[in-house]
Amino acid sequence: MALLFLLIALLNLTVVLTSSGIVFRPGFIYGKRRVDGFEVPLDLVGEPAEKLLRAVENFTKPLSSLPASDLLLAPPVSVDDVALAVINGVTDDDFFGVFTIEQIKEAANKVRVWSTYMWQVNRYAVTKIVQGITTLRPFSSLR
Protein backbone atom coordinates (compact mmCIF):
# COMPACT_ATOMS: atom_id res chain seq x y z
CA MET A 1 0.00 0.00 0.00
CA ALA A 2 2.82 2.40 0.88
CA LEU A 3 4.48 1.63 -2.45
CA LEU A 4 1.28 2.61 -4.24
CA PHE A 5 1.19 5.95 -2.42
CA LEU A 6 4.84 6.52 -3.28
CA LEU A 7 4.18 5.88 -6.97
CA ILE A 8 1.15 8.20 -6.94
CA ALA A 9 3.22 10.92 -5.25
CA LEU A 10 6.01 10.56 -7.84
CA LEU A 11 3.49 10.68 -10.67
CA ASN A 12 1.95 13.86 -9.26
CA LEU A 13 5.38 15.45 -8.86
CA THR A 14 6.32 14.71 -12.46
CA VAL A 15 3.03 16.24 -13.66
CA VAL A 16 3.35 19.38 -11.52
CA LEU A 17 7.08 19.89 -11.98
CA THR A 18 7.31 19.10 -15.68
CA SER A 19 10.51 20.95 -16.54
CA SER A 20 11.95 22.37 -13.35
CA GLY A 21 11.59 19.98 -10.41
CA ILE A 22 14.06 17.38 -9.19
CA VAL A 23 13.27 14.27 -7.18
CA PHE A 24 16.13 12.10 -5.94
CA ARG A 25 15.54 8.43 -5.07
CA PRO A 26 18.86 7.39 -3.54
CA GLY A 27 17.81 4.70 -1.05
CA PHE A 28 20.29 4.33 1.82
CA ILE A 29 22.64 7.31 2.08
CA TYR A 30 25.92 6.80 3.91
CA GLY A 31 28.42 9.23 5.34
CA LYS A 32 29.16 10.62 8.76
CA ARG A 33 26.16 11.50 10.96
CA ARG A 34 26.06 13.36 14.26
CA VAL A 35 23.67 12.15 16.93
CA ASP A 36 23.74 14.00 20.26
CA GLY A 37 27.31 15.17 19.66
CA PHE A 38 28.50 11.66 18.81
CA GLU A 39 29.64 10.92 15.25
CA VAL A 40 28.19 7.74 13.73
CA PRO A 41 30.31 6.52 10.77
CA LEU A 42 27.65 5.14 8.43
CA ASP A 43 30.28 4.95 5.71
CA LEU A 44 31.86 1.95 7.47
CA VAL A 45 28.74 -0.02 6.55
CA GLY A 46 27.56 1.83 3.45
CA GLU A 47 30.73 1.88 1.38
CA PRO A 48 31.42 -1.89 1.58
CA ALA A 49 27.73 -2.60 0.99
CA GLU A 50 27.78 -0.40 -2.11
CA LYS A 51 30.86 -2.20 -3.48
CA LEU A 52 29.34 -5.60 -2.74
CA LEU A 53 25.99 -4.81 -4.37
CA ARG A 54 27.76 -3.33 -7.41
CA ALA A 55 29.86 -6.50 -7.72
CA VAL A 56 26.82 -8.81 -7.67
CA GLU A 57 24.63 -6.49 -9.76
CA ASN A 58 24.51 -8.91 -12.70
CA PHE A 59 23.11 -11.62 -10.44
CA THR A 60 20.51 -9.39 -8.80
CA LYS A 61 19.13 -7.89 -12.04
CA PRO A 62 16.63 -10.76 -12.57
CA LEU A 63 15.23 -10.07 -9.09
CA SER A 64 14.35 -6.47 -10.00
CA SER A 65 10.84 -7.50 -11.08
CA LEU A 66 9.98 -8.57 -7.52
CA PRO A 67 8.04 -6.08 -5.37
CA ALA A 68 10.24 -3.85 -3.18
CA SER A 69 13.42 -5.39 -4.61
CA ASP A 70 14.65 -1.93 -5.54
CA LEU A 71 14.59 -1.01 -1.85
CA LEU A 72 16.45 -4.11 -0.69
CA LEU A 73 18.95 -4.54 -3.52
CA ALA A 74 19.66 -0.90 -4.32
CA PRO A 75 23.27 -0.03 -3.57
CA PRO A 76 23.82 2.68 -0.94
CA VAL A 77 24.85 6.14 -2.12
CA SER A 78 27.45 8.43 -0.59
CA VAL A 79 26.15 11.66 0.89
CA ASP A 80 28.85 13.40 -1.18
CA ASP A 81 27.35 12.01 -4.40
CA VAL A 82 23.88 13.22 -3.41
CA ALA A 83 25.26 16.67 -2.53
CA LEU A 84 27.10 16.95 -5.85
CA ALA A 85 23.97 15.86 -7.72
CA VAL A 86 22.03 18.60 -5.93
CA ILE A 87 24.67 21.12 -7.03
CA ASN A 88 24.27 19.87 -10.59
CA GLY A 89 20.50 20.24 -10.28
CA VAL A 90 20.82 23.83 -9.09
CA THR A 91 23.31 24.86 -11.77
CA ASP A 92 22.05 22.92 -14.81
CA ASP A 93 18.71 23.94 -16.35
CA ASP A 94 18.47 20.66 -18.30
CA PHE A 95 18.56 18.67 -15.07
CA PHE A 96 15.02 17.83 -13.92
CA GLY A 97 12.74 14.91 -13.20
CA VAL A 98 12.97 11.80 -11.04
CA PHE A 99 16.53 10.52 -10.63
CA THR A 100 17.59 6.99 -9.84
CA ILE A 101 20.79 5.96 -8.10
CA GLU A 102 22.67 5.66 -11.40
CA GLN A 103 21.52 9.11 -12.53
CA ILE A 104 22.55 10.59 -9.17
CA LYS A 105 26.04 9.08 -9.62
CA GLU A 106 26.28 10.43 -13.19
CA ALA A 107 25.26 13.92 -12.07
CA ALA A 108 27.80 13.81 -9.23
CA ASN A 109 30.55 12.76 -11.64
CA LYS A 110 29.72 15.66 -13.96
CA VAL A 111 30.20 18.11 -11.09
CA ARG A 112 33.38 16.31 -9.98
CA VAL A 113 34.88 16.55 -13.48
CA TRP A 114 33.87 20.19 -13.82
CA SER A 115 35.21 21.18 -10.39
CA THR A 116 38.51 19.35 -11.02
CA TYR A 117 38.87 21.16 -14.36
CA MET A 118 38.07 24.54 -12.77
CA TRP A 119 40.54 23.86 -9.95
CA GLN A 120 43.28 23.17 -12.50
CA VAL A 121 42.42 26.30 -14.50
CA ASN A 122 42.34 28.47 -11.38
CA ARG A 123 45.60 26.99 -10.06
CA TYR A 124 47.27 27.72 -13.43
CA ALA A 125 45.92 31.28 -13.45
CA VAL A 126 47.03 31.95 -9.88
CA THR A 127 50.49 30.54 -10.65
CA LYS A 128 50.84 32.84 -13.66
CA ILE A 129 49.66 35.85 -11.67
CA VAL A 130 52.12 35.12 -8.86
CA GLN A 131 54.93 34.62 -11.39
CA GLY A 132 54.02 37.93 -13.00
CA ILE A 133 54.00 39.72 -9.67
CA THR A 134 57.37 38.29 -8.61
CA THR A 135 58.99 39.26 -11.91
CA LEU A 136 57.84 42.88 -11.65
CA ARG A 137 60.53 45.33 -10.73
CA PRO A 138 59.89 47.66 -7.83
CA PHE A 139 59.12 51.29 -8.74
CA SER A 140 62.40 52.49 -7.25
CA SER A 141 64.38 50.48 -9.80
CA LEU A 142 62.57 52.13 -12.73
CA ARG A 143 64.39 55.46 -12.21
C-alpha atoms as a PDB file:
ATOM      1  CA  MET A   1       0.000   0.000   0.000  1.00  0.00           C
ATOM      2  CA  ALA A   2       2.820   2.399   0.880  1.00  0.00           C
ATOM      3  CA  LEU A   3       4.479   1.631  -2.449  1.00  0.00           C
ATOM      4  CA  LEU A   4       1.278   2.606  -4.242  1.00  0.00           C
ATOM      5  CA  PHE A   5       1.194   5.947  -2.418  1.00  0.00           C
ATOM      6  CA  LEU A   6       4.839   6.523  -3.278  1.00  0.00           C
ATOM      7  CA  LEU A   7       4.182   5.884  -6.970  1.00  0.00           C
ATOM      8  CA  ILE A   8       1.154   8.197  -6.939  1.00  0.00           C
ATOM      9  CA  ALA A   9       3.224  10.924  -5.254  1.00  0.00           C
ATOM     10  CA  LEU A  10       6.010  10.562  -7.841  1.00  0.00           C
ATOM     11  CA  LEU A  11       3.494  10.683 -10.671  1.00  0.00           C
ATOM     12  CA  ASN A  12       1.955  13.864  -9.262  1.00  0.00           C
ATOM     13  CA  LEU A  13       5.382  15.452  -8.860  1.00  0.00           C
ATOM     14  CA  THR A  14       6.317  14.714 -12.460  1.00  0.00           C
ATOM     15  CA  VAL A  15       3.032  16.237 -13.656  1.00  0.00           C
ATOM     16  CA  VAL A  16       3.350  19.376 -11.520  1.00  0.00           C
ATOM     17  CA  LEU A  17       7.083  19.891 -11.985  1.00  0.00           C
ATOM     18  CA  THR A  18       7.314  19.096 -15.680  1.00  0.00           C
ATOM     19  CA  SER A  19      10.508  20.947 -16.540  1.00  0.00           C
ATOM     20  CA  SER A  20      11.950  22.367 -13.346  1.00  0.00           C
ATOM     21  CA  GLY A  21      11.589  19.979 -10.410  1.00  0.00           C
ATOM     22  CA  ILE A  22      14.058  17.385  -9.187  1.00  0.00           C
ATOM     23  CA  VAL A  23      13.267  14.270  -7.178  1.00  0.00           C
ATOM     24  CA  PHE A  24      16.131  12.096  -5.945  1.00  0.00           C
ATOM     25  CA  ARG A  25      15.537   8.430  -5.072  1.00  0.00           C
ATOM     26  CA  PRO A  26      18.858   7.388  -3.538  1.00  0.00           C
ATOM     27  CA  GLY A  27      17.809   4.702  -1.049  1.00  0.00           C
ATOM     28  CA  PHE A  28      20.295   4.326   1.820  1.00  0.00           C
ATOM     29  CA  ILE A  29      22.640   7.307   2.081  1.00  0.00           C
ATOM     30  CA  TYR A  30      25.924   6.796   3.912  1.00  0.00           C
ATOM     31  CA  GLY A  31      28.418   9.230   5.336  1.00  0.00           C
ATOM     32  CA  LYS A  32      29.162  10.623   8.755  1.00  0.00           C
ATOM     33  CA  ARG A  33      26.163  11.501  10.961  1.00  0.00           C
ATOM     34  CA  ARG A  34      26.061  13.359  14.256  1.00  0.00           C
ATOM     35  CA  VAL A  35      23.673  12.151  16.932  1.00  0.00           C
ATOM     36  CA  ASP A  36      23.742  14.004  20.261  1.00  0.00           C
ATOM     37  CA  GLY A  37      27.309  15.173  19.662  1.00  0.00           C
ATOM     38  CA  PHE A  38      28.499  11.657  18.807  1.00  0.00           C
ATOM     39  CA  GLU A  39      29.638  10.919  15.253  1.00  0.00           C
ATOM     40  CA  VAL A  40      28.193   7.738  13.725  1.00  0.00           C
ATOM     41  CA  PRO A  41      30.310   6.517  10.774  1.00  0.00           C
ATOM     42  CA  LEU A  42      27.651   5.136   8.427  1.00  0.00           C
ATOM     43  CA  ASP A  43      30.280   4.945   5.709  1.00  0.00           C
ATOM     44  CA  LEU A  44      31.862   1.953   7.470  1.00  0.00           C
ATOM     45  CA  VAL A  45      28.738  -0.021   6.553  1.00  0.00           C
ATOM     46  CA  GLY A  46      27.557   1.831   3.452  1.00  0.00           C
ATOM     47  CA  GLU A  47      30.727   1.884   1.377  1.00  0.00           C
ATOM     48  CA  PRO A  48      31.424  -1.893   1.581  1.00  0.00           C
ATOM     49  CA  ALA A  49      27.728  -2.604   0.988  1.00  0.00           C
ATOM     50  CA  GLU A  50      27.785  -0.396  -2.109  1.00  0.00           C
ATOM     51  CA  LYS A  51      30.856  -2.200  -3.484  1.00  0.00           C
ATOM     52  CA  LEU A  52      29.341  -5.604  -2.738  1.00  0.00           C
ATOM     53  CA  LEU A  53      25.990  -4.811  -4.371  1.00  0.00           C
ATOM     54  CA  ARG A  54      27.761  -3.327  -7.408  1.00  0.00           C
ATOM     55  CA  ALA A  55      29.857  -6.500  -7.720  1.00  0.00           C
ATOM     56  CA  VAL A  56      26.816  -8.812  -7.674  1.00  0.00           C
ATOM     57  CA  GLU A  57      24.626  -6.490  -9.757  1.00  0.00           C
ATOM     58  CA  ASN A  58      24.515  -8.915 -12.703  1.00  0.00           C
ATOM     59  CA  PHE A  59      23.107 -11.624 -10.443  1.00  0.00           C
ATOM     60  CA  THR A  60      20.513  -9.387  -8.799  1.00  0.00           C
ATOM     61  CA  LYS A  61      19.127  -7.890 -12.040  1.00  0.00           C
ATOM     62  CA  PRO A  62      16.633 -10.759 -12.570  1.00  0.00           C
ATOM     63  CA  LEU A  63      15.230 -10.071  -9.089  1.00  0.00           C
ATOM     64  CA  SER A  64      14.354  -6.471 -10.003  1.00  0.00           C
ATOM     65  CA  SER A  65      10.845  -7.495 -11.080  1.00  0.00           C
ATOM     66  CA  LEU A  66       9.977  -8.569  -7.523  1.00  0.00           C
ATOM     67  CA  PRO A  67       8.043  -6.077  -5.373  1.00  0.00           C
ATOM     68  CA  ALA A  68      10.240  -3.854  -3.180  1.00  0.00           C
ATOM     69  CA  SER A  69      13.420  -5.393  -4.612  1.00  0.00           C
ATOM     70  CA  ASP A  70      14.647  -1.927  -5.541  1.00  0.00           C
ATOM     71  CA  LEU A  71      14.587  -1.015  -1.847  1.00  0.00           C
ATOM     72  CA  LEU A  72      16.453  -4.114  -0.694  1.00  0.00           C
ATOM     73  CA  LEU A  73      18.946  -4.545  -3.525  1.00  0.00           C
ATOM     74  CA  ALA A  74      19.665  -0.903  -4.320  1.00  0.00           C
ATOM     75  CA  PRO A  75      23.268  -0.025  -3.567  1.00  0.00           C
ATOM     76  CA  PRO A  76      23.825   2.675  -0.942  1.00  0.00           C
ATOM     77  CA  VAL A  77      24.849   6.141  -2.123  1.00  0.00           C
ATOM     78  CA  SER A  78      27.453   8.426  -0.591  1.00  0.00           C
ATOM     79  CA  VAL A  79      26.154  11.662   0.890  1.00  0.00           C
ATOM     80  CA  ASP A  80      28.851  13.405  -1.183  1.00  0.00           C
ATOM     81  CA  ASP A  81      27.347  12.013  -4.395  1.00  0.00           C
ATOM     82  CA  VAL A  82      23.883  13.223  -3.411  1.00  0.00           C
ATOM     83  CA  ALA A  83      25.256  16.668  -2.527  1.00  0.00           C
ATOM     84  CA  LEU A  84      27.105  16.946  -5.851  1.00  0.00           C
ATOM     85  CA  ALA A  85      23.967  15.856  -7.723  1.00  0.00           C
ATOM     86  CA  VAL A  86      22.029  18.605  -5.927  1.00  0.00           C
ATOM     87  CA  ILE A  87      24.674  21.120  -7.031  1.00  0.00           C
ATOM     88  CA  ASN A  88      24.267  19.866 -10.593  1.00  0.00           C
ATOM     89  CA  GLY A  89      20.495  20.244 -10.276  1.00  0.00           C
ATOM     90  CA  VAL A  90      20.824  23.825  -9.087  1.00  0.00           C
ATOM     91  CA  THR A  91      23.312  24.860 -11.767  1.00  0.00           C
ATOM     92  CA  ASP A  92      22.052  22.918 -14.815  1.00  0.00           C
ATOM     93  CA  ASP A  93      18.709  23.940 -16.353  1.00  0.00           C
ATOM     94  CA  ASP A  94      18.471  20.664 -18.297  1.00  0.00           C
ATOM     95  CA  PHE A  95      18.563  18.666 -15.075  1.00  0.00           C
ATOM     96  CA  PHE A  96      15.018  17.831 -13.924  1.00  0.00           C
ATOM     97  CA  GLY A  97      12.737  14.909 -13.196  1.00  0.00           C
ATOM     98  CA  VAL A  98      12.975  11.800 -11.035  1.00  0.00           C
ATOM     99  CA  PHE A  99      16.533  10.521 -10.631  1.00  0.00           C
ATOM    100  CA  THR A 100      17.589   6.987  -9.838  1.00  0.00           C
ATOM    101  CA  ILE A 101      20.787   5.964  -8.105  1.00  0.00           C
ATOM    102  CA  GLU A 102      22.666   5.656 -11.398  1.00  0.00           C
ATOM    103  CA  GLN A 103      21.523   9.107 -12.527  1.00  0.00           C
ATOM    104  CA  ILE A 104      22.553  10.590  -9.175  1.00  0.00           C
ATOM    105  CA  LYS A 105      26.039   9.085  -9.616  1.00  0.00           C
ATOM    106  CA  GLU A 106      26.277  10.431 -13.192  1.00  0.00           C
ATOM    107  CA  ALA A 107      25.261  13.918 -12.075  1.00  0.00           C
ATOM    108  CA  ALA A 108      27.797  13.812  -9.234  1.00  0.00           C
ATOM    109  CA  ASN A 109      30.550  12.757 -11.635  1.00  0.00           C
ATOM    110  CA  LYS A 110      29.722  15.665 -13.960  1.00  0.00           C
ATOM    111  CA  VAL A 111      30.197  18.109 -11.090  1.00  0.00           C
ATOM    112  CA  ARG A 112      33.384  16.314  -9.984  1.00  0.00           C
ATOM    113  CA  VAL A 113      34.883  16.550 -13.478  1.00  0.00           C
ATOM    114  CA  TRP A 114      33.867  20.194 -13.825  1.00  0.00           C
ATOM    115  CA  SER A 115      35.212  21.179 -10.393  1.00  0.00           C
ATOM    116  CA  THR A 116      38.509  19.348 -11.019  1.00  0.00           C
ATOM    117  CA  TYR A 117      38.870  21.164 -14.356  1.00  0.00           C
ATOM    118  CA  MET A 118      38.069  24.540 -12.767  1.00  0.00           C
ATOM    119  CA  TRP A 119      40.542  23.861  -9.947  1.00  0.00           C
ATOM    120  CA  GLN A 120      43.283  23.173 -12.495  1.00  0.00           C
ATOM    121  CA  VAL A 121      42.421  26.300 -14.501  1.00  0.00           C
ATOM    122  CA  ASN A 122      42.341  28.470 -11.380  1.00  0.00           C
ATOM    123  CA  ARG A 123      45.598  26.986 -10.061  1.00  0.00           C
ATOM    124  CA  TYR A 124      47.271  27.717 -13.433  1.00  0.00           C
ATOM    125  CA  ALA A 125      45.917  31.283 -13.454  1.00  0.00           C
ATOM    126  CA  VAL A 126      47.029  31.948  -9.878  1.00  0.00           C
ATOM    127  CA  THR A 127      50.486  30.539 -10.654  1.00  0.00           C
ATOM    128  CA  LYS A 128      50.837  32.841 -13.660  1.00  0.00           C
ATOM    129  CA  ILE A 129      49.662  35.855 -11.674  1.00  0.00           C
ATOM    130  CA  VAL A 130      52.119  35.116  -8.863  1.00  0.00           C
ATOM    131  CA  GLN A 131      54.927  34.617 -11.387  1.00  0.00           C
ATOM    132  CA  GLY A 132      54.015  37.930 -12.998  1.00  0.00           C
ATOM    133  CA  ILE A 133      54.001  39.719  -9.670  1.00  0.00           C
ATOM    134  CA  THR A 134      57.370  38.291  -8.612  1.00  0.00           C
ATOM    135  CA  THR A 135      58.991  39.256 -11.910  1.00  0.00           C
ATOM    136  CA  LEU A 136      57.839  42.883 -11.655  1.00  0.00           C
ATOM    137  CA  ARG A 137      60.530  45.332 -10.733  1.00  0.00           C
ATOM    138  CA  PRO A 138      59.893  47.657  -7.828  1.00  0.00           C
ATOM    139  CA  PHE A 139      59.118  51.291  -8.741  1.00  0.00           C
ATOM    140  CA  SER A 140      62.395  52.491  -7.249  1.00  0.00           C
ATOM    141  CA  SER A 141      64.379  50.481  -9.801  1.00  0.00           C
ATOM    142  CA  LEU A 142      62.573  52.131 -12.731  1.00  0.00           C
ATOM    143  CA  ARG A 143      64.387  55.455 -12.212  1.00  0.00           C
END
